[in-house]
Amino acid sequence: MKWWLVFLTSIALAAPLTAQEAVISSYSGFVEVKAPGASWTPVHTGLVISAGTIISTGFHSRAELNLGTATISLQPLTRLSLQELVRRGGFVRTNLALRIGRIHAEVKTAKGLSQDFEVHSPISTAAVRGTGFIFDTQTLTVLHGLVAFSNRLNLQTLVGAGEHSTLVGLRFPESSRRSFERETRTEIRTSPEQHRFKQHTENFGHGSLSVNFQ
């Protein structure tokens, strides 16, 4: 049994590592690309994007990038770099660098396909395997699936479908619940003993809390 496992693993590792194509499937407004060692040029539908290329969208401009196993929608004022897109057999590795702006990523799942899909920003990383999410370098919103969200110190939290997480300094990325609790936290402080009766009000969210101290 172990012999067959080693044999199958050897076959998988022996599969050739091939570069995958990334293609601009659609765009609107002013969108440019900059390949390594080249100058900025306007995009066109069907343009093939090679590794190391930067894609930039202007005001009121959008672009959709088809990676074959994933689709990336770039929102206005976004700058995204394709760092790596390779395939070996049924394994696909994708590495993107989001310098500024916001993207909507849909990572496909298929039988026999394994994905290692990562989006890096200057302060955080979103790593996914078969999911959909929106990312703007600091805040992650997961539409479906599960995303591992980490900061520069590799402190990580898992964000599930319908949840969002925001990076706060170098602490653990906050979950939706922790973010909500932080935003709506109310501190209650009693007044000095000489004031036996006092009404204290703390504002939170869109309401207020009145507490009578005795």
Foldseek 3Di string as FASTA:
>chain_A
DVVVVVVVVVVQVPFDKFAFWKFFQDKDDFKWKAAVPGDIDTDDGGDTDDAFMKIAAAPPMWTWIDRPQKIKIFDHGWIKGFHGWIDGQQEIETEMETAFGKMKMAGADDPSHWYFYWYAYPWKIKTFTGFIWMDGRFKIATQAHKIWIATPVRQTDIAHHRWMWGDDPRDRTDTRVRVQCVQFPDDDDDDDPVPQWDWDWDDGDPDIDIDIHD
